[in-house]
Amino acid sequence: MKNNNPSHKVKSTYSMLVQSEEKERNVFETLVYGVIVLSAVVAIWQVAHQPVKVPFTDQAHASATQAAVVSHS
């Protein structure tokens, strides 16, 4: 015998999760997402402030390279 009562619906787990409003879960998710965003910003900031040593910018190295060049003209 089928039960055609509209109040007796089978709900999926996803629909039950979407319908539930757990305030503690929402606060926890907000904190976790905030920490993730903050850690990404800090990581980008650290990389942006690292010194980069570009080759051939050292004056001692540049002058030694120029002295080794011999003109054959």
PDB file of N, CA and C in Angstrom:
ATOM      1  N   MET A   1       0.824  -1.165   0.000  1.00  0.00           N
ATOM      2  CA  MET A   1       0.000   0.000   0.000  1.00  0.00           C
ATOM      3  C   MET A   1       0.881   1.246   0.000  1.00  0.00           C
ATOM      4  N   LYS A   2       0.651   2.151  -0.927  1.00  0.00           N
ATOM      5  CA  LYS A   2       1.429   3.372  -1.017  1.00  0.00           C
ATOM      6  C   LYS A   2       0.872   4.429  -0.088  1.00  0.00           C
ATOM      7  N   ASN A   3       1.774   5.184   0.460  1.00  0.00           N
ATOM      8  CA  ASN A   3       1.356   6.270   1.329  1.00  0.00           C
ATOM      9  C   ASN A   3       1.437   7.560   0.522  1.00  0.00           C
ATOM     10  N   ASN A   4       0.302   8.122   0.125  1.00  0.00           N
ATOM     11  CA  ASN A   4       0.261   9.330  -0.689  1.00  0.00           C
ATOM     12  C   ASN A   4       0.080  10.592   0.149  1.00  0.00           C
ATOM     13  N   ASN A   5       0.343  10.500   1.410  1.00  0.00           N
ATOM     14  CA  ASN A   5       0.213  11.646   2.304  1.00  0.00           C
ATOM     15  C   ASN A   5       1.321  12.656   1.993  1.00  0.00           C
ATOM     16  N   PRO A   6       0.987  13.909   1.608  1.00  0.00           N
ATOM     17  CA  PRO A   6       2.020  14.887   1.253  1.00  0.00           C
ATOM     18  C   PRO A   6       2.937  15.266   2.411  1.00  0.00           C
ATOM     19  N   SER A   7       2.514  15.103   3.632  1.00  0.00           N
ATOM     20  CA  SER A   7       3.374  15.464   4.766  1.00  0.00           C
ATOM     21  C   SER A   7       4.443  14.411   5.009  1.00  0.00           C
ATOM     22  N   HIS A   8       4.321  13.258   4.381  1.00  0.00           N
ATOM     23  CA  HIS A   8       5.299  12.187   4.552  1.00  0.00           C
ATOM     24  C   HIS A   8       6.190  12.131   3.313  1.00  0.00           C
ATOM     25  N   LYS A   9       7.186  13.039   3.255  1.00  0.00           N
ATOM     26  CA  LYS A   9       8.097  13.087   2.124  1.00  0.00           C
ATOM     27  C   LYS A   9       9.467  12.580   2.576  1.00  0.00           C
ATOM     28  N   VAL A  10      10.134  11.920   1.666  1.00  0.00           N
ATOM     29  CA  VAL A  10      11.487  11.456   1.934  1.00  0.00           C
ATOM     30  C   VAL A  10      12.432  12.584   1.543  1.00  0.00           C
ATOM     31  N   LYS A  11      13.247  13.008   2.488  1.00  0.00           N
ATOM     32  CA  LYS A  11      14.172  14.110   2.244  1.00  0.00           C
ATOM     33  C   LYS A  11      15.590  13.557   2.144  1.00  0.00           C
ATOM     34  N   SER A  12      16.341  14.147   1.244  1.00  0.00           N
ATOM     35  CA  SER A  12      17.734  13.739   1.127  1.00  0.00           C
ATOM     36  C   SER A  12      18.540  14.367   2.264  1.00  0.00           C
ATOM     37  N   THR A  13      19.703  13.822   2.477  1.00  0.00           N
ATOM     38  CA  THR A  13      20.573  14.344   3.530  1.00  0.00           C
ATOM     39  C   THR A  13      20.973  15.784   3.224  1.00  0.00           C
ATOM     40  N   TYR A  14      21.246  16.054   1.941  1.00  0.00           N
ATOM     41  CA  TYR A  14      21.628  17.414   1.550  1.00  0.00           C
ATOM     42  C   TYR A  14      20.506  18.413   1.832  1.00  0.00           C
ATOM     43  N   SER A  15      19.280  18.057   1.493  1.00  0.00           N
ATOM     44  CA  SER A  15      18.179  18.992   1.729  1.00  0.00           C
ATOM     45  C   SER A  15      17.965  19.229   3.220  1.00  0.00           C
ATOM     46  N   MET A  16      18.172  18.191   4.035  1.00  0.00           N
ATOM     47  CA  MET A  16      18.047  18.382   5.482  1.00  0.00           C
ATOM     48  C   MET A  16      19.146  19.302   6.009  1.00  0.00           C
ATOM     49  N   LEU A  17      20.376  19.167   5.469  1.00  0.00           N
ATOM     50  CA  LEU A  17      21.466  20.038   5.906  1.00  0.00           C
ATOM     51  C   LEU A  17      21.227  21.481   5.496  1.00  0.00           C
ATOM     52  N   VAL A  18      20.696  21.670   4.295  1.00  0.00           N
ATOM     53  CA  VAL A  18      20.438  23.027   3.818  1.00  0.00           C
ATOM     54  C   VAL A  18      19.340  23.679   4.644  1.00  0.00           C
ATOM     55  N   GLN A  19      18.334  22.914   5.000  1.00  0.00           N
ATOM     56  CA  GLN A  19      17.218  23.474   5.749  1.00  0.00           C
ATOM     57  C   GLN A  19      17.566  23.739   7.205  1.00  0.00           C
ATOM     58  N   SER A  20      18.501  22.988   7.723  1.00  0.00           N
ATOM     59  CA  SER A  20      18.854  23.190   9.135  1.00  0.00           C
ATOM     60  C   SER A  20      19.674  24.455   9.283  1.00  0.00           C
ATOM     61  N   GLU A  21      19.415  25.175  10.315  1.00  0.00           N
ATOM     62  CA  GLU A  21      20.168  26.395  10.597  1.00  0.00           C
ATOM     63  C   GLU A  21      20.855  26.235  11.936  1.00  0.00           C
ATOM     64  N   GLU A  22      22.071  25.766  11.881  1.00  0.00           N
ATOM     65  CA  GLU A  22      22.841  25.591  13.100  1.00  0.00           C
ATOM     66  C   GLU A  22      23.720  26.814  13.272  1.00  0.00           C
ATOM     67  N   LYS A  23      23.424  27.596  14.258  1.00  0.00           N
ATOM     68  CA  LYS A  23      24.152  28.846  14.469  1.00  0.00           C
ATOM     69  C   LYS A  23      25.611  28.580  14.834  1.00  0.00           C
ATOM     70  N   GLU A  24      25.865  27.554  15.615  1.00  0.00           N
ATOM     71  CA  GLU A  24      27.235  27.244  15.998  1.00  0.00           C
ATOM     72  C   GLU A  24      28.044  26.815  14.785  1.00  0.00           C
ATOM     73  N   ARG A  25      27.431  26.058  13.886  1.00  0.00           N
ATOM     74  CA  ARG A  25      28.133  25.620  12.690  1.00  0.00           C
ATOM     75  C   ARG A  25      28.443  26.819  11.801  1.00  0.00           C
ATOM     76  N   ASN A  26      27.506  27.745  11.677  1.00  0.00           N
ATOM     77  CA  ASN A  26      27.725  28.922  10.848  1.00  0.00           C
ATOM     78  C   ASN A  26      28.857  29.785  11.403  1.00  0.00           C
ATOM     79  N   VAL A  27      28.920  29.944  12.701  1.00  0.00           N
ATOM     80  CA  VAL A  27      29.988  30.723  13.324  1.00  0.00           C
ATOM     81  C   VAL A  27      31.328  30.024  13.111  1.00  0.00           C
ATOM     82  N   PHE A  28      31.346  28.710  13.274  1.00  0.00           N
ATOM     83  CA  PHE A  28      32.568  27.942  13.082  1.00  0.00           C
ATOM     84  C   PHE A  28      33.047  28.040  11.630  1.00  0.00           C
ATOM     85  N   GLU A  29      32.139  27.898  10.684  1.00  0.00           N
ATOM     86  CA  GLU A  29      32.508  28.004   9.271  1.00  0.00           C
ATOM     87  C   GLU A  29      33.043  29.399   8.955  1.00  0.00           C
ATOM     88  N   THR A  30      32.437  30.418   9.509  1.00  0.00           N
ATOM     89  CA  THR A  30      32.900  31.783   9.282  1.00  0.00           C
ATOM     90  C   THR A  30      34.319  31.961   9.819  1.00  0.00           C
ATOM     91  N   LEU A  31      34.575  31.429  10.995  1.00  0.00           N
ATOM     92  CA  LEU A  31      35.918  31.519  11.569  1.00  0.00           C
ATOM     93  C   LEU A  31      36.941  30.762  10.724  1.00  0.00           C
ATOM     94  N   VAL A  32      36.581  29.575  10.269  1.00  0.00           N
ATOM     95  CA  VAL A  32      37.508  28.774   9.461  1.00  0.00           C
ATOM     96  C   VAL A  32      37.813  29.483   8.146  1.00  0.00           C
ATOM     97  N   TYR A  33      36.788  29.994   7.471  1.00  0.00           N
ATOM     98  CA  TYR A  33      37.006  30.708   6.217  1.00  0.00           C
ATOM     99  C   TYR A  33      37.830  31.974   6.450  1.00  0.00           C
ATOM    100  N   GLY A  34      37.603  32.653   7.542  1.00  0.00           N
ATOM    101  CA  GLY A  34      38.390  33.839   7.866  1.00  0.00           C
ATOM    102  C   GLY A  34      39.855  33.508   8.066  1.00  0.00           C
ATOM    103  N   VAL A  35      40.131  32.416   8.766  1.00  0.00           N
ATOM    104  CA  VAL A  35      41.523  32.003   8.996  1.00  0.00           C
ATOM    105  C   VAL A  35      42.183  31.615   7.676  1.00  0.00           C
ATOM    106  N   ILE A  36      41.448  30.951   6.796  1.00  0.00           N
ATOM    107  CA  ILE A  36      42.007  30.564   5.495  1.00  0.00           C
ATOM    108  C   ILE A  36      42.357  31.804   4.674  1.00  0.00           C
ATOM    109  N   VAL A  37      41.457  32.763   4.622  1.00  0.00           N
ATOM    110  CA  VAL A  37      41.712  33.990   3.864  1.00  0.00           C
ATOM    111  C   VAL A  37      42.878  34.757   4.479  1.00  0.00           C
ATOM    112  N   LEU A  38      42.907  34.859   5.788  1.00  0.00           N
ATOM    113  CA  LEU A  38      43.989  35.568   6.464  1.00  0.00           C
ATOM    114  C   LEU A  38      45.339  34.895   6.207  1.00  0.00           C
ATOM    115  N   SER A  39      45.381  33.572   6.240  1.00  0.00           N
ATOM    116  CA  SER A  39      46.645  32.875   5.988  1.00  0.00           C
ATOM    117  C   SER A  39      47.103  33.069   4.552  1.00  0.00           C
ATOM    118  N   ALA A  40      46.174  33.114   3.600  1.00  0.00           N
ATOM    119  CA  ALA A  40      46.551  33.366   2.206  1.00  0.00           C
ATOM    120  C   ALA A  40      47.113  34.777   2.050  1.00  0.00           C
ATOM    121  N   VAL A  41      46.503  35.751   2.691  1.00  0.00           N
ATOM    122  CA  VAL A  41      46.985  37.136   2.615  1.00  0.00           C
ATOM    123  C   VAL A  41      48.371  37.251   3.236  1.00  0.00           C
ATOM    124  N   VAL A  42      48.589  36.619   4.367  1.00  0.00           N
ATOM    125  CA  VAL A  42      49.901  36.663   5.027  1.00  0.00           C
ATOM    126  C   VAL A  42      50.953  35.985   4.157  1.00  0.00           C
ATOM    127  N   ALA A  43      50.613  34.862   3.532  1.00  0.00           N
ATOM    128  CA  ALA A  43      51.572  34.166   2.667  1.00  0.00           C
ATOM    129  C   ALA A  43      51.945  35.025   1.468  1.00  0.00           C
ATOM    130  N   ILE A  44      50.975  35.668   0.862  1.00  0.00           N
ATOM    131  CA  ILE A  44      51.256  36.546  -0.278  1.00  0.00           C
ATOM    132  C   ILE A  44      52.106  37.729   0.167  1.00  0.00           C
ATOM    133  N   TRP A  45      51.805  38.290   1.326  1.00  0.00           N
ATOM    134  CA  TRP A  45      52.569  39.424   1.840  1.00  0.00           C
ATOM    135  C   TRP A  45      54.024  39.019   2.086  1.00  0.00           C
ATOM    136  N   GLN A  46      54.239  37.818   2.653  1.00  0.00           N
ATOM    137  CA  GLN A  46      55.601  37.364   2.920  1.00  0.00           C
ATOM    138  C   GLN A  46      56.389  37.182   1.627  1.00  0.00           C
ATOM    139  N   VAL A  47      55.753  36.602   0.627  1.00  0.00           N
ATOM    140  CA  VAL A  47      56.440  36.397  -0.650  1.00  0.00           C
ATOM    141  C   VAL A  47      56.741  37.740  -1.308  1.00  0.00           C
ATOM    142  N   ALA A  48      55.819  38.681  -1.205  1.00  0.00           N
ATOM    143  CA  ALA A  48      56.015  39.985  -1.835  1.00  0.00           C
ATOM    144  C   ALA A  48      57.145  40.776  -1.188  1.00  0.00           C
ATOM    145  N   HIS A  49      57.435  40.526   0.068  1.00  0.00           N
ATOM    146  CA  HIS A  49      58.470  41.289   0.771  1.00  0.00           C
ATOM    147  C   HIS A  49      59.807  40.565   0.864  1.00  0.00           C
ATOM    148  N   GLN A  50      59.955  39.442   0.185  1.00  0.00           N
ATOM    149  CA  GLN A  50      61.236  38.753   0.172  1.00  0.00           C
ATOM    150  C   GLN A  50      62.168  39.446  -0.805  1.00  0.00           C
ATOM    151  N   PRO A  51      63.407  39.640  -0.415  1.00  0.00           N
ATOM    152  CA  PRO A  51      64.344  40.250  -1.356  1.00  0.00           C
ATOM    153  C   PRO A  51      64.677  39.275  -2.491  1.00  0.00           C
ATOM    154  N   VAL A  52      64.820  39.828  -3.682  1.00  0.00           N
ATOM    155  CA  VAL A  52      65.150  39.018  -4.843  1.00  0.00           C
ATOM    156  C   VAL A  52      66.517  39.454  -5.337  1.00  0.00           C
ATOM    157  N   LYS A  53      67.432  38.497  -5.423  1.00  0.00           N
ATOM    158  CA  LYS A  53      68.764  38.817  -5.909  1.00  0.00           C
ATOM    159  C   LYS A  53      68.797  38.525  -7.403  1.00  0.00           C
ATOM    160  N   VAL A  54      68.937  39.595  -8.170  1.00  0.00           N
ATOM    161  CA  VAL A  54      68.973  39.473  -9.624  1.00  0.00           C
ATOM    162  C   VAL A  54      70.416  39.296 -10.043  1.00  0.00           C
ATOM    163  N   PRO A  55      70.708  38.325 -10.896  1.00  0.00           N
ATOM    164  CA  PRO A  55      72.101  38.133 -11.316  1.00  0.00           C
ATOM    165  C   PRO A  55      72.628  39.344 -12.087  1.00  0.00           C
ATOM    166  N   PHE A  56      73.898  39.570 -11.979  1.00  0.00           N
ATOM    167  CA  PHE A  56      74.613  40.641 -12.672  1.00  0.00           C
ATOM    168  C   PHE A  56      74.243  42.035 -12.167  1.00  0.00           C
ATOM    169  N   THR A  57      73.724  42.152 -10.977  1.00  0.00           N
ATOM    170  CA  THR A  57      73.483  43.473 -10.418  1.00  0.00           C
ATOM    171  C   THR A  57      74.554  43.841  -9.396  1.00  0.00           C
ATOM    172  N   ASP A  58      75.365  42.884  -9.020  1.00  0.00           N
ATOM    173  CA  ASP A  58      76.438  43.140  -8.064  1.00  0.00           C
ATOM    174  C   ASP A  58      77.552  43.905  -8.774  1.00  0.00           C
ATOM    175  N   GLN A  59      77.977  45.055  -8.231  1.00  0.00           N
ATOM    176  CA  GLN A  59      78.958  45.921  -8.894  1.00  0.00           C
ATOM    177  C   GLN A  59      80.329  45.245  -9.007  1.00  0.00           C
ATOM    178  N   ALA A  60      80.717  44.484  -7.998  1.00  0.00           N
ATOM    179  CA  ALA A  60      82.016  43.815  -8.053  1.00  0.00           C
ATOM    180  C   ALA A  60      82.024  42.787  -9.179  1.00  0.00           C
ATOM    181  N   HIS A  61      80.951  42.076  -9.327  1.00  0.00           N
ATOM    182  CA  HIS A  61      80.859  41.082 -10.387  1.00  0.00           C
ATOM    183  C   HIS A  61      80.822  41.759 -11.759  1.00  0.00           C
ATOM    184  N   ALA A  62      80.126  42.865 -11.868  1.00  0.00           N
ATOM    185  CA  ALA A  62      80.012  43.580 -13.141  1.00  0.00           C
ATOM    186  C   ALA A  62      81.361  44.157 -13.563  1.00  0.00           C
ATOM    187  N   SER A  63      82.117  44.729 -12.622  1.00  0.00           N
ATOM    188  CA  SER A  63      83.413  45.311 -12.973  1.00  0.00           C
ATOM    189  C   SER A  63      84.418  44.229 -13.332  1.00  0.00           C
ATOM    190  N   ALA A  64      84.353  43.074 -12.682  1.00  0.00           N
ATOM    191  CA  ALA A  64      85.252  41.973 -13.008  1.00  0.00           C
ATOM    192  C   ALA A  64      84.938  41.434 -14.397  1.00  0.00           C
ATOM    193  N   THR A  65      83.688  41.404 -14.762  1.00  0.00           N
ATOM    194  CA  THR A  65      83.294  40.934 -16.089  1.00  0.00           C
ATOM    195  C   THR A  65      83.761  41.922 -17.151  1.00  0.00           C
ATOM    196  N   GLN A  66      83.661  43.205 -16.894  1.00  0.00           N
ATOM    197  CA  GLN A  66      84.090  44.210 -17.865  1.00  0.00           C
ATOM    198  C   GLN A  66      85.609  44.208 -18.039  1.00  0.00           C
ATOM    199  N   ALA A  67      86.355  43.931 -16.987  1.00  0.00           N
ATOM    200  CA  ALA A  67      87.805  43.921 -17.070  1.00  0.00           C
ATOM    201  C   ALA A  67      88.290  42.719 -17.869  1.00  0.00           C
ATOM    202  N   ALA A  68      87.549  41.652 -17.907  1.00  0.00           N
ATOM    203  CA  ALA A  68      87.966  40.459 -18.614  1.00  0.00           C
ATOM    204  C   ALA A  68      87.715  40.549 -20.109  1.00  0.00           C
ATOM    205  N   VAL A  69      86.966  41.519 -20.562  1.00  0.00           N
ATOM    206  CA  VAL A  69      86.674  41.664 -21.990  1.00  0.00           C
ATOM    207  C   VAL A  69      87.882  42.287 -22.677  1.00  0.00           C
ATOM    208  N   VAL A  70      88.337  41.655 -23.717  1.00  0.00           N
ATOM    209  CA  VAL A  70      89.497  42.125 -24.460  1.00  0.00           C
ATOM    210  C   VAL A  70      89.059  42.524 -25.852  1.00  0.00           C
ATOM    211  N   SER A  71      89.477  43.679 -26.279  1.00  0.00           N
ATOM    212  CA  SER A  71      89.111  44.168 -27.610  1.00  0.00           C
ATOM    213  C   SER A  71      90.142  43.697 -28.621  1.00  0.00           C
ATOM    214  N   HIS A  72      89.669  43.186 -29.750  1.00  0.00           N
ATOM    215  CA  HIS A  72      90.571  42.707 -30.797  1.00  0.00           C
ATOM    216  C   HIS A  72      90.529  43.639 -32.004  1.00  0.00           C
ATOM    217  N   SER A  73      90.360  44.890 -31.830  1.00  0.00           N
ATOM    218  CA  SER A  73      90.294  45.791 -32.990  1.00  0.00           C
ATOM    219  C   SER A  73      91.584  46.470 -33.304  1.00  0.00           C
TER     220      SER A  73
END
